Amino acid sequence: MSAAPTAEGTWRTWIDTPVRWAGAAVGVAVGVLVDFSPEPDVQLLYAFPAFGLCVMAGVLAADLIARPRHSWIRVAEVTPRRVRDYAPRALTAFLTAQAVILTVLVVIAASTASADAKGRSGRALAVECPAGSQLLAPWPGLYYAWPALGGVALGALACALLLRRVTLRSQTDDQRRVQARAAVGAWGVVVTAPLFAVSFTMAVVVLSLSCAGVAKIFVLAALALTAFASALSCCHCLGVPPDSPGLHGGEAMTAHSVRITVNHAAPVPPYEQVRAQLADLISVGRLRQGDRLPSVRQLAADLGLANNTVVRAYRELETAGLVRTRRGSGTQVVAPPSIADSKEKLAQQARLFAISARQLGATDEEALAAIRHALAQADSV
């Protein structure tokens, strides 16, 4: 990657923020202009999940459009990356808790829902009071709440895929953290907007009850607090910075990082460049026994290679006894053979060659000439 952003990279960086906010603008337009249901007072339950999904779509579109192009020379750190290293832990935990609250509210609403005045099930709340029965609608049972739950599930899937893309992509760690925070923030809107709609709708119904006494006050206070907290959370998630100053330069790596480089314009095949550099790092002790190498997909993405190219490099390292690949634990460095072990193996191979030469009737000069010829061929490979 180049050390300075190109003109195209600058353009792609600039377009990132407008595309993300365009998703939110489309969500607002959809909520205002689209009539989701002919029934009164249910627009909120459909419009807010749609708004959240539009915000997530904007982040996904920005991720596809705003990715910078790379130069012929690519650099990669030889360190495995994980999604949890870049996702904001506090925000993720807080939003997960709100997703759980949304699920609990929908389960409560679904278990208490009744048929409305037209006999349609799951759309109203029937309450028996001393003054008579009340039938209050809309009540966010499964019929009205499925957009919220479906939107949260779809948004969670999109967020997980986006976080994986961000983690594997070749860029700086600061860029990964900013983009991961934007992805989690978009998922936060997908969660908190429906949570506000569901809790607000339930609060309006509870407020309309003519009985329930003290219980009504406590339930109403809890729902109002949930609606208020979800509204603040939604605003916070919308305000998560999609960009940050100084994050669009070259690949900023620490002084202690172990890295390899691939020159796509070089005559040496890329797999051989990867294999040779990793083998050198292992032989000099920069990569020690037990160190994990990056996944095939991560290293391929960082270096702009096909997955099979990295697989071939890893396979040749494994054949040489430098790494070991195990399912579930990835590719790990094994201890390189000691000098004593190497000399012993060399002597053993020499004895086998000498025995074969004698059996073939070769003279000492012919055997030595064969060895010199084989060494010359090995050097030329």
Protein backbone atom coordinates (compact mmCIF):
# COMPACT_ATOMS: atom_id res chain seq x y z
CA MET A 1 0.00 0.00 0.00
CA SER A 2 1.21 3.45 -0.71
CA ALA A 3 2.35 5.68 2.10
CA ALA A 4 0.02 8.51 1.08
CA PRO A 5 -3.59 8.47 -0.08
CA THR A 6 -4.15 8.71 -3.81
CA ALA A 7 -6.65 11.07 -5.42
CA GLU A 8 -9.04 8.16 -5.82
CA GLY A 9 -8.51 7.16 -2.18
CA THR A 10 -9.32 10.73 -1.09
CA TRP A 11 -12.49 10.72 -3.19
CA ARG A 12 -13.57 7.37 -1.77
CA THR A 13 -12.90 8.64 1.76
CA TRP A 14 -14.97 11.77 1.16
CA ILE A 15 -17.95 9.84 -0.21
CA ASP A 16 -18.04 7.54 2.82
CA THR A 17 -19.90 9.87 5.20
CA PRO A 18 -22.59 11.11 2.75
CA VAL A 19 -23.45 7.54 1.74
CA ARG A 20 -23.94 6.51 5.36
CA TRP A 21 -26.16 9.49 6.12
CA ALA A 22 -28.07 8.89 2.89
CA GLY A 23 -29.23 5.58 4.40
CA ALA A 24 -30.68 7.45 7.40
CA ALA A 25 -32.32 10.00 5.08
CA VAL A 26 -33.92 7.23 3.04
CA GLY A 27 -35.17 5.66 6.29
CA VAL A 28 -36.84 8.93 7.32
CA ALA A 29 -38.39 9.31 3.86
CA VAL A 30 -39.71 5.75 3.93
CA GLY A 31 -41.25 6.27 7.37
CA VAL A 32 -42.94 9.52 6.32
CA LEU A 33 -44.05 8.66 2.78
CA VAL A 34 -44.87 4.95 2.93
CA ASP A 35 -48.20 3.92 4.40
CA PHE A 36 -47.40 0.51 5.86
CA SER A 37 -50.91 -0.31 7.07
CA PRO A 38 -54.44 1.08 6.68
CA GLU A 39 -54.96 0.61 10.41
CA PRO A 40 -54.54 3.70 12.58
CA ASP A 41 -51.75 4.09 15.15
CA VAL A 42 -49.55 1.26 13.85
CA GLN A 43 -47.32 3.27 11.53
CA LEU A 44 -44.73 3.57 14.32
CA LEU A 45 -44.37 -0.20 14.65
CA TYR A 46 -43.50 -0.58 10.97
CA ALA A 47 -41.69 2.67 10.18
CA PHE A 48 -39.06 2.44 12.94
CA PRO A 49 -37.77 -1.04 12.00
CA ALA A 50 -37.67 0.10 8.36
CA PHE A 51 -35.67 3.17 9.42
CA GLY A 52 -33.15 1.01 11.27
CA LEU A 53 -32.67 -1.28 8.28
CA CYS A 54 -32.16 1.70 5.98
CA VAL A 55 -29.42 3.00 8.31
CA MET A 56 -27.72 -0.40 8.19
CA ALA A 57 -28.06 -0.46 4.38
CA GLY A 58 -26.34 2.94 4.22
CA VAL A 59 -23.37 1.64 6.24
CA LEU A 60 -23.14 -1.45 4.02
CA ALA A 61 -23.27 0.71 0.87
CA ALA A 62 -20.55 3.00 2.23
CA ASP A 63 -18.39 -0.02 2.99
CA LEU A 64 -18.74 -1.26 -0.59
CA ILE A 65 -18.20 2.13 -2.23
CA ALA A 66 -15.59 3.77 -0.04
CA ARG A 67 -12.96 1.03 -0.03
CA PRO A 68 -9.64 2.48 -1.30
CA ARG A 69 -7.68 0.82 -4.06
CA HIS A 70 -4.16 -0.45 -3.37
CA SER A 71 -0.78 -0.26 -5.08
CA TRP A 72 1.31 -3.07 -6.53
CA ILE A 73 3.23 -3.49 -3.27
CA ARG A 74 1.15 -4.81 -0.37
CA VAL A 75 2.21 -5.20 3.26
CA ALA A 76 0.63 -7.46 5.87
CA GLU A 77 1.21 -8.00 9.57
CA VAL A 78 1.78 -11.63 10.48
CA THR A 79 -0.72 -11.49 13.34
CA PRO A 80 -4.19 -13.07 13.43
CA ARG A 81 -7.04 -10.59 13.79
CA ARG A 82 -10.37 -11.20 15.53
CA VAL A 83 -13.65 -9.33 15.32
CA ARG A 84 -13.76 -8.80 19.10
CA ASP A 85 -10.46 -6.91 18.92
CA TYR A 86 -12.14 -4.09 16.97
CA ALA A 87 -15.83 -4.06 17.97
CA PRO A 88 -16.59 -1.56 20.78
CA ARG A 89 -17.22 -3.87 23.74
CA ALA A 90 -19.18 -1.50 25.98
CA LEU A 91 -21.49 -0.34 23.19
CA THR A 92 -21.98 -3.90 21.93
CA ALA A 93 -22.87 -5.17 25.42
CA PHE A 94 -25.27 -2.26 25.99
CA LEU A 95 -27.04 -2.81 22.67
CA THR A 96 -27.23 -6.56 23.26
CA ALA A 97 -28.98 -5.85 26.56
CA GLN A 98 -31.49 -3.64 24.73
CA ALA A 99 -32.07 -6.38 22.15
CA VAL A 100 -32.85 -8.73 25.04
CA ILE A 101 -35.27 -6.17 26.51
CA LEU A 102 -37.00 -5.84 23.13
CA THR A 103 -37.37 -9.61 22.91
CA VAL A 104 -38.80 -9.78 26.46
CA LEU A 105 -41.32 -7.02 25.71
CA VAL A 106 -42.45 -8.75 22.52
CA VAL A 107 -42.82 -12.07 24.36
CA ILE A 108 -44.91 -10.36 27.08
CA ALA A 109 -47.02 -8.57 24.47
CA ALA A 110 -47.53 -11.78 22.48
CA SER A 111 -48.53 -13.79 25.56
CA THR A 112 -51.08 -11.16 26.65
CA ALA A 113 -52.47 -10.23 23.23
CA SER A 114 -56.08 -10.88 22.30
CA ALA A 115 -58.27 -10.54 19.25
CA ASP A 116 -59.34 -7.01 18.34
CA ALA A 117 -62.90 -5.80 17.75
CA LYS A 118 -62.89 -7.43 14.31
CA GLY A 119 -61.86 -10.79 15.71
CA ARG A 120 -58.28 -10.63 14.40
CA SER A 121 -55.99 -12.34 16.89
CA GLY A 122 -52.85 -10.87 18.44
CA ARG A 123 -53.70 -7.23 17.82
CA ALA A 124 -55.27 -5.92 21.04
CA LEU A 125 -55.08 -6.10 24.83
CA ALA A 126 -58.23 -7.22 26.64
CA VAL A 127 -58.48 -6.16 30.31
CA GLU A 128 -61.27 -6.83 32.77
CA CYS A 129 -61.83 -3.88 35.08
CA PRO A 130 -64.50 -3.36 37.80
CA ALA A 131 -66.22 -0.83 35.57
CA GLY A 132 -66.24 -3.26 32.65
CA SER A 133 -63.94 -4.81 30.09
CA GLN A 134 -61.57 -2.80 27.92
CA LEU A 135 -60.23 -3.75 24.51
CA LEU A 136 -57.24 -1.58 23.66
CA ALA A 137 -55.41 -1.56 20.34
CA PRO A 138 -52.92 -1.59 18.78
CA TRP A 139 -51.06 -3.92 21.11
CA PRO A 140 -47.60 -5.02 19.83
CA GLY A 141 -48.22 -8.76 19.78
CA LEU A 142 -46.56 -10.95 17.18
CA TYR A 143 -48.66 -9.56 14.34
CA TYR A 144 -47.35 -6.05 14.87
CA ALA A 145 -43.98 -6.94 16.41
CA TRP A 146 -42.63 -9.31 13.74
CA PRO A 147 -41.08 -6.42 11.75
CA ALA A 148 -39.13 -5.42 14.87
CA LEU A 149 -37.81 -8.92 15.60
CA GLY A 150 -37.18 -9.67 11.93
CA GLY A 151 -35.36 -6.37 11.50
CA VAL A 152 -33.15 -7.01 14.53
CA ALA A 153 -32.25 -10.49 13.28
CA LEU A 154 -31.54 -9.24 9.75
CA GLY A 155 -29.54 -6.31 11.11
CA ALA A 156 -27.52 -8.59 13.39
CA LEU A 157 -26.63 -10.80 10.41
CA ALA A 158 -25.62 -7.78 8.31
CA CYS A 159 -23.57 -6.38 11.20
CA ALA A 160 -21.76 -9.70 11.71
CA LEU A 161 -20.89 -9.95 8.01
CA LEU A 162 -19.73 -6.33 7.93
CA LEU A 163 -17.55 -6.77 11.04
CA ARG A 164 -15.93 -9.81 9.45
CA ARG A 165 -15.24 -7.86 6.26
CA VAL A 166 -13.78 -4.96 8.23
CA THR A 167 -11.56 -7.30 10.27
CA LEU A 168 -10.17 -9.14 7.23
CA ARG A 169 -9.67 -6.07 5.07
CA SER A 170 -6.23 -4.56 4.48
CA GLN A 171 -6.19 -1.22 6.32
CA THR A 172 -4.96 0.31 9.56
CA ASP A 173 -6.16 -0.84 12.97
CA ASP A 174 -7.60 2.64 13.57
CA GLN A 175 -9.63 2.39 10.38
CA ARG A 176 -10.90 -1.04 11.41
CA ARG A 177 -12.01 0.27 14.82
CA VAL A 178 -13.81 3.27 13.32
CA GLN A 179 -15.60 1.12 10.74
CA ALA A 180 -16.44 -1.56 13.31
CA ARG A 181 -17.91 1.11 15.57
CA ALA A 182 -19.98 2.44 12.67
CA ALA A 183 -21.27 -1.08 11.95
CA VAL A 184 -22.22 -1.69 15.59
CA GLY A 185 -23.78 1.77 15.74
CA ALA A 186 -25.96 0.97 12.71
CA TRP A 187 -27.04 -2.28 14.37
CA GLY A 188 -27.81 -0.19 17.46
CA VAL A 189 -30.30 1.85 15.43
CA VAL A 190 -31.84 -1.40 14.17
CA VAL A 191 -32.33 -2.44 17.81
CA THR A 192 -33.22 0.80 19.59
CA ALA A 193 -35.64 2.25 17.03
CA PRO A 194 -38.04 -0.76 17.23
CA LEU A 195 -37.53 -0.89 21.00
CA PHE A 196 -38.75 2.69 21.24
CA ALA A 197 -41.74 1.93 18.99
CA VAL A 198 -42.75 -1.18 20.97
CA SER A 199 -42.26 0.35 24.44
CA PHE A 200 -43.99 3.59 23.45
CA THR A 201 -46.97 1.74 21.97
CA MET A 202 -47.28 -0.43 25.08
CA ALA A 203 -47.00 2.67 27.30
CA VAL A 204 -49.86 4.39 25.42
CA VAL A 205 -52.06 1.32 25.89
CA VAL A 206 -51.20 1.01 29.60
CA LEU A 207 -51.91 4.73 30.06
CA SER A 208 -55.39 4.17 28.59
CA LEU A 209 -56.28 1.56 31.23
CA SER A 210 -59.00 2.68 33.61
CA CYS A 211 -57.85 0.29 36.34
CA ALA A 212 -54.73 -1.59 37.55
CA GLY A 213 -53.93 0.92 40.29
CA VAL A 214 -50.33 0.99 41.55
CA ALA A 215 -49.25 -1.73 39.13
CA LYS A 216 -50.24 0.53 36.26
CA ILE A 217 -47.95 3.27 37.59
CA PHE A 218 -44.96 0.97 37.89
CA VAL A 219 -45.49 -0.61 34.46
CA LEU A 220 -46.03 2.78 32.85
CA ALA A 221 -42.87 4.17 34.49
CA ALA A 222 -40.82 1.17 33.32
CA LEU A 223 -42.11 1.45 29.75
CA ALA A 224 -41.59 5.22 29.68
CA LEU A 225 -38.02 4.79 30.97
CA THR A 226 -37.35 2.12 28.35
CA ALA A 227 -38.72 4.33 25.58
CA PHE A 228 -36.65 7.29 26.78
CA ALA A 229 -33.45 5.24 27.09
CA SER A 230 -33.96 3.65 23.68
CA ALA A 231 -34.54 7.06 22.09
CA LEU A 232 -31.30 8.39 23.60
CA SER A 233 -29.46 5.23 22.53
CA CYS A 234 -30.79 5.57 18.99
CA CYS A 235 -29.58 9.16 18.79
CA HIS A 236 -26.19 8.12 20.16
CA CYS A 237 -25.87 5.32 17.61
CA LEU A 238 -26.79 7.69 14.80
CA GLY A 239 -24.08 10.03 16.03
CA VAL A 240 -21.35 7.38 16.09
CA PRO A 241 -18.58 9.00 14.02
CA PRO A 242 -18.24 7.21 10.68
CA ASP A 243 -14.92 8.91 10.18
CA SER A 244 -12.00 10.16 12.23
CA PRO A 245 -9.15 12.55 11.41
CA GLY A 246 -5.87 11.08 10.40
CA LEU A 247 -7.12 7.62 9.53
CA HIS A 248 -6.63 7.69 5.80
CA GLY A 249 -2.89 7.53 5.41
CA GLY A 250 -0.87 4.46 4.71
CA GLU A 251 -0.79 1.28 6.70
CA ALA A 252 0.28 2.40 10.16
CA MET A 253 2.05 -0.49 11.81
CA THR A 254 3.78 -0.60 15.13
CA ALA A 255 7.56 -0.72 15.33
CA HIS A 256 7.38 -4.19 16.88
CA SER A 257 5.06 -5.71 14.29
CA VAL A 258 6.19 -8.63 12.18
CA ARG A 259 5.26 -8.09 8.56
CA ILE A 260 5.76 -9.44 5.08
CA THR A 261 5.57 -7.74 1.70
CA VAL A 262 4.38 -8.92 -1.69
CA ASN A 263 5.31 -7.10 -4.87
CA HIS A 264 2.75 -8.00 -7.52
CA ALA A 265 5.04 -6.66 -10.26
CA ALA A 266 7.99 -8.83 -9.24
CA PRO A 267 8.98 -11.88 -11.35
CA VAL A 268 9.00 -14.11 -8.25
CA PRO A 269 5.60 -15.84 -7.80
CA PRO A 270 3.57 -14.37 -4.93
CA TYR A 271 3.30 -17.71 -3.12
CA GLU A 272 7.11 -18.00 -3.12
CA GLN A 273 7.44 -14.45 -1.75
CA VAL A 274 5.11 -15.36 1.11
CA ARG A 275 6.76 -18.72 1.77
CA ALA A 276 10.32 -17.38 1.71
CA GLN A 277 9.61 -14.44 4.03
CA LEU A 278 7.71 -16.57 6.55
CA ALA A 279 10.45 -19.19 6.47
CA ASP A 280 13.07 -16.50 7.13
CA LEU A 281 11.05 -15.05 10.03
CA ILE A 282 10.80 -18.50 11.59
CA SER A 283 14.49 -19.31 11.08
CA VAL A 284 15.69 -16.08 12.72
CA GLY A 285 13.27 -16.40 15.62
CA ARG A 286 10.96 -13.49 14.81
CA LEU A 287 8.17 -16.07 14.70
CA ARG A 288 8.49 -18.50 17.58
CA GLN A 289 7.11 -21.91 18.33
CA GLY A 290 3.38 -21.73 19.06
CA ASP A 291 2.83 -18.39 17.28
CA ARG A 292 -0.32 -18.44 15.17
CA LEU A 293 -0.17 -17.28 11.59
CA PRO A 294 -3.02 -15.23 10.09
CA SER A 295 -5.91 -17.11 8.56
CA VAL A 296 -5.75 -17.79 4.85
CA ARG A 297 -8.52 -15.29 4.14
CA GLN A 298 -6.90 -12.56 6.26
CA LEU A 299 -3.46 -12.85 4.71
CA ALA A 300 -4.91 -13.15 1.20
CA ALA A 301 -7.00 -9.99 1.74
CA ASP A 302 -4.05 -8.03 3.17
CA LEU A 303 -1.72 -8.97 0.34
CA GLY A 304 -4.30 -8.89 -2.47
CA LEU A 305 -3.85 -12.58 -3.27
CA ALA A 306 -6.16 -15.46 -4.03
CA ASN A 307 -6.84 -17.79 -1.12
CA ASN A 308 -5.23 -20.69 -2.96
CA THR A 309 -1.97 -18.75 -3.23
CA VAL A 310 -1.70 -18.46 0.55
CA VAL A 311 -2.80 -22.08 0.95
CA ARG A 312 0.09 -23.17 -1.28
CA ALA A 313 2.61 -21.11 0.71
CA TYR A 314 1.33 -22.57 4.00
CA ARG A 315 1.39 -26.09 2.56
CA GLU A 316 5.01 -25.77 1.53
CA LEU A 317 5.94 -24.42 4.95
CA GLU A 318 4.18 -27.39 6.52
CA THR A 319 6.04 -29.78 4.22
CA ALA A 320 9.29 -28.17 5.37
CA GLY A 321 8.30 -28.80 8.98
CA LEU A 322 8.07 -25.12 9.89
CA VAL A 323 4.33 -24.87 10.57
CA ARG A 324 1.47 -27.14 11.52
CA THR A 325 -2.17 -26.70 10.50
CA ARG A 326 -4.93 -28.13 12.65
CA ARG A 327 -8.65 -27.72 12.25
CA GLY A 328 -10.02 -25.31 14.82
CA SER A 329 -6.63 -23.92 15.89
CA GLY A 330 -5.36 -22.62 12.55
CA THR A 331 -1.74 -22.61 11.41
CA GLN A 332 0.93 -22.48 14.10
CA VAL A 333 4.70 -22.23 14.00
CA VAL A 334 6.58 -25.31 15.17
CA ALA A 335 10.15 -25.27 16.44
CA PRO A 336 12.62 -25.15 13.52
CA PRO A 337 15.09 -28.03 13.50
CA SER A 338 18.25 -27.36 15.51
CA ILE A 339 21.67 -27.24 13.84
CA ALA A 340 22.57 -30.59 15.37
CA ASP A 341 19.37 -32.19 14.08
CA SER A 342 19.95 -30.70 10.64
CA LYS A 343 23.50 -32.05 10.47
CA GLU A 344 22.34 -35.49 11.60
CA LYS A 345 19.61 -35.60 8.96
CA LEU A 346 22.08 -34.42 6.33
CA ALA A 347 24.56 -37.13 7.31
CA GLN A 348 21.80 -39.74 7.18
CA GLN A 349 20.77 -38.67 3.69
CA ALA A 350 24.44 -38.69 2.63
CA ARG A 351 24.87 -42.27 3.87
CA LEU A 352 21.78 -43.36 1.94
CA PHE A 353 23.14 -41.67 -1.19
CA ALA A 354 26.55 -43.29 -0.74
CA ILE A 355 24.96 -46.73 -0.40
CA SER A 356 22.89 -46.14 -3.55
CA ALA A 357 25.98 -44.92 -5.44
CA ARG A 358 27.96 -48.03 -4.49
CA GLN A 359 25.06 -50.26 -5.48
CA LEU A 360 24.97 -48.55 -8.88
CA GLY A 361 28.72 -49.00 -9.26
CA ALA A 362 29.51 -45.28 -9.41
CA THR A 363 33.01 -44.05 -8.64
CA ASP A 364 33.70 -41.37 -6.04
CA GLU A 365 34.18 -38.77 -8.77
CA GLU A 366 30.88 -39.71 -10.44
CA ALA A 367 29.01 -39.61 -7.10
CA LEU A 368 30.48 -36.19 -6.23
CA ALA A 369 29.67 -34.89 -9.72
CA ALA A 370 26.05 -36.03 -9.29
CA ILE A 371 25.84 -34.21 -5.97
CA ARG A 372 27.33 -31.02 -7.43
CA HIS A 373 24.88 -31.17 -10.32
CA ALA A 374 21.92 -31.66 -7.95
CA LEU A 375 23.08 -28.76 -5.77
CA ALA A 376 23.40 -26.53 -8.82
CA GLN A 377 19.87 -27.41 -9.89
CA ALA A 378 18.55 -26.71 -6.37
CA ASP A 379 20.20 -23.29 -6.37
CA SER A 380 18.61 -22.39 -9.68
CA VAL A 381 15.07 -23.20 -8.56
